Amino acid sequence: VILQKVREAERERQYEEFKDRAGTIINGLVKRE
């Protein structure tokens, strides 16, 4: 239960962080194909 709630909170934080960054350029690192 704790892991599930933490994952949900992490996903929500990630969405809130990037939802307003759509339409911008970002630099990243290739992880895999």
PDB file of all heavy atoms in Angstrom:
ATOM      1  N   VAL A   1       0.839  -1.201   0.000  1.00  0.00           N
ATOM      2  CA  VAL A   1       0.000   0.000   0.000  1.00  0.00           C
ATOM      3  C   VAL A   1       0.870   1.245   0.000  1.00  0.00           C
ATOM      4  O   VAL A   1       0.631   2.208  -0.746  1.00  0.00           O
ATOM      5  CB  VAL A   1      -0.951   0.007   1.216  1.00  0.00           C
ATOM      6  CG1 VAL A   1      -1.665   1.353   1.333  1.00  0.00           C
ATOM      7  CG2 VAL A   1      -1.951  -1.113   1.098  1.00  0.00           C
ATOM      8  N   ILE A   2       1.906   1.236   0.840  1.00  0.00           N
ATOM      9  CA  ILE A   2       2.797   2.403   0.915  1.00  0.00           C
ATOM     10  C   ILE A   2       3.510   2.633  -0.405  1.00  0.00           C
ATOM     11  O   ILE A   2       3.563   3.760  -0.917  1.00  0.00           O
ATOM     12  CB  ILE A   2       3.821   2.216   2.060  1.00  0.00           C
ATOM     13  CG1 ILE A   2       3.098   2.221   3.412  1.00  0.00           C
ATOM     14  CG2 ILE A   2       4.866   3.323   2.014  1.00  0.00           C
ATOM     15  CD1 ILE A   2       3.998   1.869   4.581  1.00  0.00           C
ATOM     16  N   LEU A   3       4.024   1.558  -1.007  1.00  0.00           N
ATOM     17  CA  LEU A   3       4.733   1.690  -2.281  1.00  0.00           C
ATOM     18  C   LEU A   3       3.795   2.228  -3.382  1.00  0.00           C
ATOM     19  O   LEU A   3       4.185   3.068  -4.194  1.00  0.00           O
ATOM     20  CB  LEU A   3       5.314   0.341  -2.703  1.00  0.00           C
ATOM     21  CG  LEU A   3       6.509  -0.160  -1.873  1.00  0.00           C
ATOM     22  CD1 LEU A   3       6.907  -1.565  -2.333  1.00  0.00           C
ATOM     23  CD2 LEU A   3       7.689   0.788  -1.998  1.00  0.00           C
ATOM     24  N   GLN A   4       2.546   1.717  -3.381  1.00  0.00           N
ATOM     25  CA  GLN A   4       1.578   2.166  -4.390  1.00  0.00           C
ATOM     26  C   GLN A   4       1.275   3.650  -4.228  1.00  0.00           C
ATOM     27  O   GLN A   4       1.248   4.410  -5.210  1.00  0.00           O
ATOM     28  CB  GLN A   4       0.296   1.342  -4.271  1.00  0.00           C
ATOM     29  CG  GLN A   4      -0.815   1.758  -5.237  1.00  0.00           C
ATOM     30  CD  GLN A   4      -0.442   1.531  -6.687  1.00  0.00           C
ATOM     31  OE1 GLN A   4       0.410   0.685  -6.981  1.00  0.00           O
ATOM     32  NE2 GLN A   4      -1.052   2.279  -7.592  1.00  0.00           N
ATOM     33  N   LYS A   5       1.057   4.075  -2.996  1.00  0.00           N
ATOM     34  CA  LYS A   5       0.757   5.486  -2.750  1.00  0.00           C
ATOM     35  C   LYS A   5       1.938   6.380  -3.113  1.00  0.00           C
ATOM     36  O   LYS A   5       1.770   7.474  -3.658  1.00  0.00           O
ATOM     37  CB  LYS A   5       0.391   5.692  -1.274  1.00  0.00           C
ATOM     38  CG  LYS A   5      -0.970   5.155  -0.904  1.00  0.00           C
ATOM     39  CD  LYS A   5      -2.074   5.959  -1.584  1.00  0.00           C
ATOM     40  CE  LYS A   5      -3.445   5.476  -1.187  1.00  0.00           C
ATOM     41  NZ  LYS A   5      -4.526   6.228  -1.872  1.00  0.00           N
ATOM     42  N   VAL A   6       3.146   5.902  -2.794  1.00  0.00           N
ATOM     43  CA  VAL A   6       4.335   6.678  -3.124  1.00  0.00           C
ATOM     44  C   VAL A   6       4.487   6.804  -4.633  1.00  0.00           C
ATOM     45  O   VAL A   6       4.816   7.868  -5.159  1.00  0.00           O
ATOM     46  CB  VAL A   6       5.593   6.039  -2.488  1.00  0.00           C
ATOM     47  CG1 VAL A   6       6.864   6.669  -3.054  1.00  0.00           C
ATOM     48  CG2 VAL A   6       5.565   6.206  -0.980  1.00  0.00           C
ATOM     49  N   ARG A   7       4.245   5.701  -5.353  1.00  0.00           N
ATOM     50  CA  ARG A   7       4.329   5.746  -6.816  1.00  0.00           C
ATOM     51  C   ARG A   7       3.317   6.733  -7.394  1.00  0.00           C
ATOM     52  O   ARG A   7       3.615   7.494  -8.316  1.00  0.00           O
ATOM     53  CB  ARG A   7       4.108   4.343  -7.405  1.00  0.00           C
ATOM     54  CG  ARG A   7       5.365   3.495  -7.441  1.00  0.00           C
ATOM     55  CD  ARG A   7       5.182   2.303  -8.368  1.00  0.00           C
ATOM     56  NE  ARG A   7       4.154   1.393  -7.868  1.00  0.00           N
ATOM     57  CZ  ARG A   7       4.417   0.330  -7.097  1.00  0.00           C
ATOM     58  NH1 ARG A   7       5.660   0.060  -6.738  1.00  0.00           N
ATOM     59  NH2 ARG A   7       3.429  -0.459  -6.698  1.00  0.00           N
ATOM     60  N   GLU A   8       2.081   6.705  -6.860  1.00  0.00           N
ATOM     61  CA  GLU A   8       1.055   7.623  -7.344  1.00  0.00           C
ATOM     62  C   GLU A   8       1.455   9.079  -7.091  1.00  0.00           C
ATOM     63  O   GLU A   8       1.268   9.939  -7.954  1.00  0.00           O
ATOM     64  CB  GLU A   8      -0.279   7.324  -6.660  1.00  0.00           C
ATOM     65  CG  GLU A   8      -0.910   6.011  -7.106  1.00  0.00           C
ATOM     66  CD  GLU A   8      -2.174   5.692  -6.330  1.00  0.00           C
ATOM     67  OE1 GLU A   8      -2.552   6.510  -5.457  1.00  0.00           O
ATOM     68  OE2 GLU A   8      -2.783   4.638  -6.584  1.00  0.00           O
ATOM     69  N   ALA A   9       2.009   9.335  -5.899  1.00  0.00           N
ATOM     70  CA  ALA A   9       2.441  10.696  -5.577  1.00  0.00           C
ATOM     71  C   ALA A   9       3.594  11.132  -6.476  1.00  0.00           C
ATOM     72  O   ALA A   9       3.664  12.286  -6.926  1.00  0.00           O
ATOM     73  CB  ALA A   9       2.863  10.778  -4.109  1.00  0.00           C
ATOM     74  N   GLU A  10       4.502  10.178  -6.772  1.00  0.00           N
ATOM     75  CA  GLU A  10       5.631  10.481  -7.637  1.00  0.00           C
ATOM     76  C   GLU A  10       5.169  10.792  -9.054  1.00  0.00           C
ATOM     77  O   GLU A  10       5.648  11.735  -9.703  1.00  0.00           O
ATOM     78  CB  GLU A  10       6.590   9.286  -7.640  1.00  0.00           C
ATOM     79  CG  GLU A  10       7.905   9.561  -8.353  1.00  0.00           C
ATOM     80  CD  GLU A  10       8.843   8.367  -8.295  1.00  0.00           C
ATOM     81  OE1 GLU A  10       8.404   7.275  -7.892  1.00  0.00           O
ATOM     82  OE2 GLU A  10      10.011   8.533  -8.667  1.00  0.00           O
ATOM     83  N   ARG A  11       4.189  10.027  -9.545  1.00  0.00           N
ATOM     84  CA  ARG A  11       3.654  10.267 -10.887  1.00  0.00           C
ATOM     85  C   ARG A  11       2.957  11.620 -10.956  1.00  0.00           C
ATOM     86  O   ARG A  11       3.094  12.357 -11.943  1.00  0.00           O
ATOM     87  CB  ARG A  11       2.670   9.155 -11.255  1.00  0.00           C
ATOM     88  CG  ARG A  11       3.323   7.813 -11.509  1.00  0.00           C
ATOM     89  CD  ARG A  11       2.276   6.725 -11.590  1.00  0.00           C
ATOM     90  NE  ARG A  11       2.875   5.413 -11.859  1.00  0.00           N
ATOM     91  CZ  ARG A  11       2.218   4.265 -11.792  1.00  0.00           C
ATOM     92  NH1 ARG A  11       0.932   4.271 -11.460  1.00  0.00           N
ATOM     93  NH2 ARG A  11       2.816   3.123 -12.051  1.00  0.00           N
ATOM     94  N   GLU A  12       2.193  11.958  -9.917  1.00  0.00           N
ATOM     95  CA  GLU A  12       1.495  13.230  -9.901  1.00  0.00           C
ATOM     96  C   GLU A  12       2.485  14.396  -9.883  1.00  0.00           C
ATOM     97  O   GLU A  12       2.295  15.399 -10.571  1.00  0.00           O
ATOM     98  CB  GLU A  12       0.571  13.303  -8.675  1.00  0.00           C
ATOM     99  CG  GLU A  12      -0.306  14.541  -8.617  1.00  0.00           C
ATOM    100  CD  GLU A  12      -1.287  14.631  -9.767  1.00  0.00           C
ATOM    101  OE1 GLU A  12      -1.636  13.582 -10.356  1.00  0.00           O
ATOM    102  OE2 GLU A  12      -1.701  15.763 -10.101  1.00  0.00           O
ATOM    103  N   ARG A  13       3.560  14.230  -9.087  1.00  0.00           N
ATOM    104  CA  ARG A  13       4.577  15.288  -9.049  1.00  0.00           C
ATOM    105  C   ARG A  13       5.233  15.454 -10.408  1.00  0.00           C
ATOM    106  O   ARG A  13       5.443  16.580 -10.886  1.00  0.00           O
ATOM    107  CB  ARG A  13       5.658  14.936  -8.010  1.00  0.00           C
ATOM    108  CG  ARG A  13       6.813  15.937  -7.987  1.00  0.00           C
ATOM    109  CD  ARG A  13       8.019  15.348  -7.319  1.00  0.00           C
ATOM    110  NE  ARG A  13       8.484  14.141  -7.962  1.00  0.00           N
ATOM    111  CZ  ARG A  13       9.146  14.102  -9.108  1.00  0.00           C
ATOM    112  NH1 ARG A  13       9.422  15.214  -9.764  1.00  0.00           N
ATOM    113  NH2 ARG A  13       9.537  12.950  -9.616  1.00  0.00           N
ATOM    114  N   GLN A  14       5.514  14.327 -11.079  1.00  0.00           N
ATOM    115  CA  GLN A  14       6.149  14.391 -12.395  1.00  0.00           C
ATOM    116  C   GLN A  14       5.220  15.051 -13.416  1.00  0.00           C
ATOM    117  O   GLN A  14       5.662  15.880 -14.217  1.00  0.00           O
ATOM    118  CB  GLN A  14       6.511  12.979 -12.859  1.00  0.00           C
ATOM    119  CG  GLN A  14       7.313  12.946 -14.148  1.00  0.00           C
ATOM    120  CD  GLN A  14       7.731  11.531 -14.527  1.00  0.00           C
ATOM    121  OE1 GLN A  14       7.649  10.624 -13.724  1.00  0.00           O
ATOM    122  NE2 GLN A  14       8.166  11.348 -15.759  1.00  0.00           N
ATOM    123  N   TYR A  15       3.934  14.717 -13.364  1.00  0.00           N
ATOM    124  CA  TYR A  15       2.981  15.334 -14.292  1.00  0.00           C
ATOM    125  C   TYR A  15       2.882  16.831 -14.052  1.00  0.00           C
ATOM    126  O   TYR A  15       2.891  17.633 -15.001  1.00  0.00           O
ATOM    127  CB  TYR A  15       1.606  14.682 -14.141  1.00  0.00           C
ATOM    128  CG  TYR A  15       0.547  15.325 -15.004  1.00  0.00           C
ATOM    129  CD1 TYR A  15       0.484  15.074 -16.369  1.00  0.00           C
ATOM    130  CD2 TYR A  15      -0.374  16.210 -14.455  1.00  0.00           C
ATOM    131  CE1 TYR A  15      -0.470  15.672 -17.172  1.00  0.00           C
ATOM    132  CE2 TYR A  15      -1.337  16.826 -15.248  1.00  0.00           C
ATOM    133  CZ  TYR A  15      -1.376  16.553 -16.594  1.00  0.00           C
ATOM    134  OH  TYR A  15      -2.321  17.168 -17.381  1.00  0.00           O
ATOM    135  N   GLU A  16       2.766  17.229 -12.780  1.00  0.00           N
ATOM    136  CA  GLU A  16       2.645  18.651 -12.451  1.00  0.00           C
ATOM    137  C   GLU A  16       3.888  19.422 -12.884  1.00  0.00           C
ATOM    138  O   GLU A  16       3.799  20.584 -13.282  1.00  0.00           O
ATOM    139  CB  GLU A  16       2.412  18.839 -10.953  1.00  0.00           C
ATOM    140  CG  GLU A  16       1.053  18.368 -10.461  1.00  0.00           C
ATOM    141  CD  GLU A  16      -0.092  19.162 -11.076  1.00  0.00           C
ATOM    142  OE1 GLU A  16       0.089  20.375 -11.300  1.00  0.00           O
ATOM    143  OE2 GLU A  16      -1.145  18.568 -11.343  1.00  0.00           O
ATOM    144  N   GLU A  17       5.052  18.757 -12.802  1.00  0.00           N
ATOM    145  CA  GLU A  17       6.298  19.424 -13.163  1.00  0.00           C
ATOM    146  C   GLU A  17       6.412  19.652 -14.665  1.00  0.00           C
ATOM    147  O   GLU A  17       6.921  20.684 -15.120  1.00  0.00           O
ATOM    148  CB  GLU A  17       7.492  18.592 -12.679  1.00  0.00           C
ATOM    149  CG  GLU A  17       8.842  19.203 -13.034  1.00  0.00           C
ATOM    150  CD  GLU A  17      10.019  18.385 -12.515  1.00  0.00           C
ATOM    151  OE1 GLU A  17       9.802  17.530 -11.630  1.00  0.00           O
ATOM    152  OE2 GLU A  17      11.150  18.610 -12.993  1.00  0.00           O
ATOM    153  N   PHE A  18       5.909  18.690 -15.468  1.00  0.00           N
ATOM    154  CA  PHE A  18       6.135  18.768 -16.921  1.00  0.00           C
ATOM    155  C   PHE A  18       4.929  19.224 -17.739  1.00  0.00           C
ATOM    156  O   PHE A  18       5.087  19.537 -18.920  1.00  0.00           O
ATOM    157  CB  PHE A  18       6.607  17.397 -17.438  1.00  0.00           C
ATOM    158  CG  PHE A  18       8.040  17.102 -17.113  1.00  0.00           C
ATOM    159  CD1 PHE A  18       8.360  16.323 -16.016  1.00  0.00           C
ATOM    160  CD2 PHE A  18       9.067  17.623 -17.884  1.00  0.00           C
ATOM    161  CE1 PHE A  18       9.684  16.050 -15.701  1.00  0.00           C
ATOM    162  CE2 PHE A  18      10.390  17.359 -17.581  1.00  0.00           C
ATOM    163  CZ  PHE A  18      10.699  16.573 -16.481  1.00  0.00           C
ATOM    164  N   LYS A  19       3.731  19.255 -17.138  1.00  0.00           N
ATOM    165  CA  LYS A  19       2.546  19.590 -17.936  1.00  0.00           C
ATOM    166  C   LYS A  19       2.641  20.987 -18.540  1.00  0.00           C
ATOM    167  O   LYS A  19       2.131  21.231 -19.637  1.00  0.00           O
ATOM    168  CB  LYS A  19       1.286  19.466 -17.085  1.00  0.00           C
ATOM    169  CG  LYS A  19       1.151  20.520 -15.999  1.00  0.00           C
ATOM    170  CD  LYS A  19      -0.179  20.397 -15.273  1.00  0.00           C
ATOM    171  CE  LYS A  19      -0.327  21.515 -14.246  1.00  0.00           C
ATOM    172  NZ  LYS A  19      -1.620  21.452 -13.539  1.00  0.00           N
ATOM    173  N   ASP A  20       3.291  21.921 -17.822  1.00  0.00           N
ATOM    174  CA  ASP A  20       3.410  23.286 -18.332  1.00  0.00           C
ATOM    175  C   ASP A  20       4.676  23.485 -19.171  1.00  0.00           C
ATOM    176  O   ASP A  20       4.918  24.589 -19.665  1.00  0.00           O
ATOM    177  CB  ASP A  20       3.416  24.286 -17.166  1.00  0.00           C
ATOM    178  CG  ASP A  20       2.095  24.284 -16.409  1.00  0.00           C
ATOM    179  OD1 ASP A  20       1.062  24.073 -17.065  1.00  0.00           O
ATOM    180  OD2 ASP A  20       2.103  24.468 -15.182  1.00  0.00           O
ATOM    181  N   ARG A  21       5.461  22.429 -19.324  1.00  0.00           N
ATOM    182  CA  ARG A  21       6.685  22.545 -20.114  1.00  0.00           C
ATOM    183  C   ARG A  21       6.508  21.994 -21.535  1.00  0.00           C
ATOM    184  O   ARG A  21       7.454  22.003 -22.310  1.00  0.00           O
ATOM    185  CB  ARG A  21       7.829  21.808 -19.409  1.00  0.00           C
ATOM    186  CG  ARG A  21       8.207  22.445 -18.065  1.00  0.00           C
ATOM    187  CD  ARG A  21       9.348  21.732 -17.391  1.00  0.00           C
ATOM    188  NE  ARG A  21      10.597  21.874 -18.128  1.00  0.00           N
ATOM    189  CZ  ARG A  21      11.744  21.335 -17.734  1.00  0.00           C
ATOM    190  NH1 ARG A  21      11.789  20.609 -16.616  1.00  0.00           N
ATOM    191  NH2 ARG A  21      12.841  21.496 -18.439  1.00  0.00           N
ATOM    192  N   ALA A  22       5.292  21.521 -21.835  1.00  0.00           N
ATOM    193  CA  ALA A  22       5.011  21.099 -23.213  1.00  0.00           C
ATOM    194  C   ALA A  22       5.179  22.305 -24.130  1.00  0.00           C
ATOM    195  O   ALA A  22       4.722  23.408 -23.832  1.00  0.00           O
ATOM    196  CB  ALA A  22       3.602  20.544 -23.323  1.00  0.00           C
ATOM    197  N   GLY A  23       5.874  22.098 -25.248  1.00  0.00           N
ATOM    198  CA  GLY A  23       6.144  23.202 -26.160  1.00  0.00           C
ATOM    199  C   GLY A  23       7.491  23.866 -25.922  1.00  0.00           C
ATOM    200  O   GLY A  23       7.769  24.929 -26.489  1.00  0.00           O
ATOM    201  N   THR A  24       8.325  23.236 -25.100  1.00  0.00           N
ATOM    202  CA  THR A  24       9.668  23.767 -24.840  1.00  0.00           C
ATOM    203  C   THR A  24      10.720  22.720 -25.181  1.00  0.00           C
ATOM    204  O   THR A  24      10.403  21.542 -25.392  1.00  0.00           O
ATOM    205  CB  THR A  24       9.834  24.189 -23.359  1.00  0.00           C
ATOM    206  OG1 THR A  24       9.678  23.022 -22.526  1.00  0.00           O
ATOM    207  CG2 THR A  24       8.779  25.222 -22.970  1.00  0.00           C
ATOM    208  N   ILE A  25      11.970  23.169 -25.221  1.00  0.00           N
ATOM    209  CA  ILE A  25      13.099  22.266 -25.508  1.00  0.00           C
ATOM    210  C   ILE A  25      13.739  21.842 -24.199  1.00  0.00           C
ATOM    211  O   ILE A  25      13.840  22.628 -23.249  1.00  0.00           O
ATOM    212  CB  ILE A  25      14.127  22.974 -26.411  1.00  0.00           C
ATOM    213  CG1 ILE A  25      13.566  23.091 -27.839  1.00  0.00           C
ATOM    214  CG2 ILE A  25      15.446  22.221 -26.439  1.00  0.00           C
ATOM    215  CD1 ILE A  25      14.485  23.811 -28.800  1.00  0.00           C
ATOM    216  N   ILE A  26      14.159  20.582 -24.157  1.00  0.00           N
ATOM    217  CA  ILE A  26      14.817  20.062 -22.964  1.00  0.00           C
ATOM    218  C   ILE A  26      16.002  19.198 -23.384  1.00  0.00           C
ATOM    219  O   ILE A  26      15.990  18.591 -24.463  1.00  0.00           O
ATOM    220  CB  ILE A  26      13.818  19.243 -22.108  1.00  0.00           C
ATOM    221  CG1 ILE A  26      14.406  18.930 -20.737  1.00  0.00           C
ATOM    222  CG2 ILE A  26      13.406  17.968 -22.817  1.00  0.00           C
ATOM    223  CD1 ILE A  26      13.396  18.323 -19.766  1.00  0.00           C
ATOM    224  N   ASN A  27      17.031  19.169 -22.558  1.00  0.00           N
ATOM    225  CA  ASN A  27      18.190  18.306 -22.792  1.00  0.00           C
ATOM    226  C   ASN A  27      18.063  17.060 -21.922  1.00  0.00           C
ATOM    227  O   ASN A  27      17.612  17.137 -20.769  1.00  0.00           O
ATOM    228  CB  ASN A  27      19.490  19.033 -22.455  1.00  0.00           C
ATOM    229  CG  ASN A  27      19.764  20.179 -23.407  1.00  0.00           C
ATOM    230  OD1 ASN A  27      19.602  20.042 -24.615  1.00  0.00           O
ATOM    231  ND2 ASN A  27      20.151  21.328 -22.875  1.00  0.00           N
ATOM    232  N   GLY A  28      18.446  15.925 -22.465  1.00  0.00           N
ATOM    233  CA  GLY A  28      18.357  14.688 -21.708  1.00  0.00           C
ATOM    234  C   GLY A  28      19.471  13.734 -22.073  1.00  0.00           C
ATOM    235  O   GLY A  28      20.328  14.028 -22.920  1.00  0.00           O
ATOM    236  N   LEU A  29      19.456  12.582 -21.405  1.00  0.00           N
ATOM    237  CA  LEU A  29      20.435  11.525 -21.657  1.00  0.00           C
ATOM    238  C   LEU A  29      19.714  10.292 -22.189  1.00  0.00           C
ATOM    239  O   LEU A  29      18.671   9.898 -21.657  1.00  0.00           O
ATOM    240  CB  LEU A  29      21.175  11.155 -20.367  1.00  0.00           C
ATOM    241  CG  LEU A  29      22.235  12.130 -19.857  1.00  0.00           C
ATOM    242  CD1 LEU A  29      22.766  11.651 -18.512  1.00  0.00           C
ATOM    243  CD2 LEU A  29      23.376  12.225 -20.857  1.00  0.00           C
ATOM    244  N   VAL A  30      20.257   9.705 -23.230  1.00  0.00           N
ATOM    245  CA  VAL A  30      19.677   8.482 -23.784  1.00  0.00           C
ATOM    246  C   VAL A  30      19.901   7.339 -22.802  1.00  0.00           C
ATOM    247  O   VAL A  30      21.026   7.080 -22.372  1.00  0.00           O
ATOM    248  CB  VAL A  30      20.309   8.143 -25.151  1.00  0.00           C
ATOM    249  CG1 VAL A  30      19.789   6.802 -25.651  1.00  0.00           C
ATOM    250  CG2 VAL A  30      20.026   9.246 -26.156  1.00  0.00           C
ATOM    251  N   LYS A  31      18.808   6.652 -22.429  1.00  0.00           N
ATOM    252  CA  LYS A  31      18.926   5.524 -21.500  1.00  0.00           C
ATOM    253  C   LYS A  31      18.986   4.191 -22.243  1.00  0.00           C
ATOM    254  O   LYS A  31      19.832   3.359 -21.994  1.00  0.00           O
ATOM    255  CB  LYS A  31      17.745   5.512 -20.525  1.00  0.00           C
ATOM    256  CG  LYS A  31      17.791   6.636 -19.493  1.00  0.00           C
ATOM    257  CD  LYS A  31      16.779   6.406 -18.375  1.00  0.00           C
ATOM    258  CE  LYS A  31      17.196   5.257 -17.477  1.00  0.00           C
ATOM    259  NZ  LYS A  31      16.313   5.125 -16.289  1.00  0.00           N
ATOM    260  N   ARG A  32      18.040   4.016 -23.176  1.00  0.00           N
ATOM    261  CA  ARG A  32      17.996   2.746 -23.903  1.00  0.00           C
ATOM    262  C   ARG A  32      17.107   2.920 -25.131  1.00  0.00           C
ATOM    263  O   ARG A  32      16.444   3.936 -25.297  1.00  0.00           O
ATOM    264  CB  ARG A  32      17.447   1.630 -23.008  1.00  0.00           C
ATOM    265  CG  ARG A  32      16.021   1.862 -22.548  1.00  0.00           C
ATOM    266  CD  ARG A  32      15.569   0.819 -21.534  1.00  0.00           C
ATOM    267  NE  ARG A  32      14.172   1.033 -21.114  1.00  0.00           N
ATOM    268  CZ  ARG A  32      13.803   1.877 -20.175  1.00  0.00           C
ATOM    269  NH1 ARG A  32      14.730   2.618 -19.556  1.00  0.00           N
ATOM    270  NH2 ARG A  32      12.525   2.010 -19.854  1.00  0.00           N
ATOM    271  N   GLU A  33      17.106   1.894 -25.968  1.00  0.00           N
ATOM    272  CA  GLU A  33      16.264   1.885 -27.159  1.00  0.00           C
ATOM    273  C   GLU A  33      15.319   0.701 -27.092  1.00  0.00           C
ATOM    274  O   GLU A  33      15.723  -0.411 -26.775  1.00  0.00           O
ATOM    275  CB  GLU A  33      17.111   1.800 -28.429  1.00  0.00           C
ATOM    276  CG  GLU A  33      16.294   1.857 -29.718  1.00  0.00           C
ATOM    277  CD  GLU A  33      17.161   1.921 -30.958  1.00  0.00           C
ATOM    278  OE1 GLU A  33      18.374   2.183 -30.813  1.00  0.00           O
ATOM    279  OE2 GLU A  33      16.635   1.693 -32.062  1.00  0.00           O
TER     280      GLU A  33
END
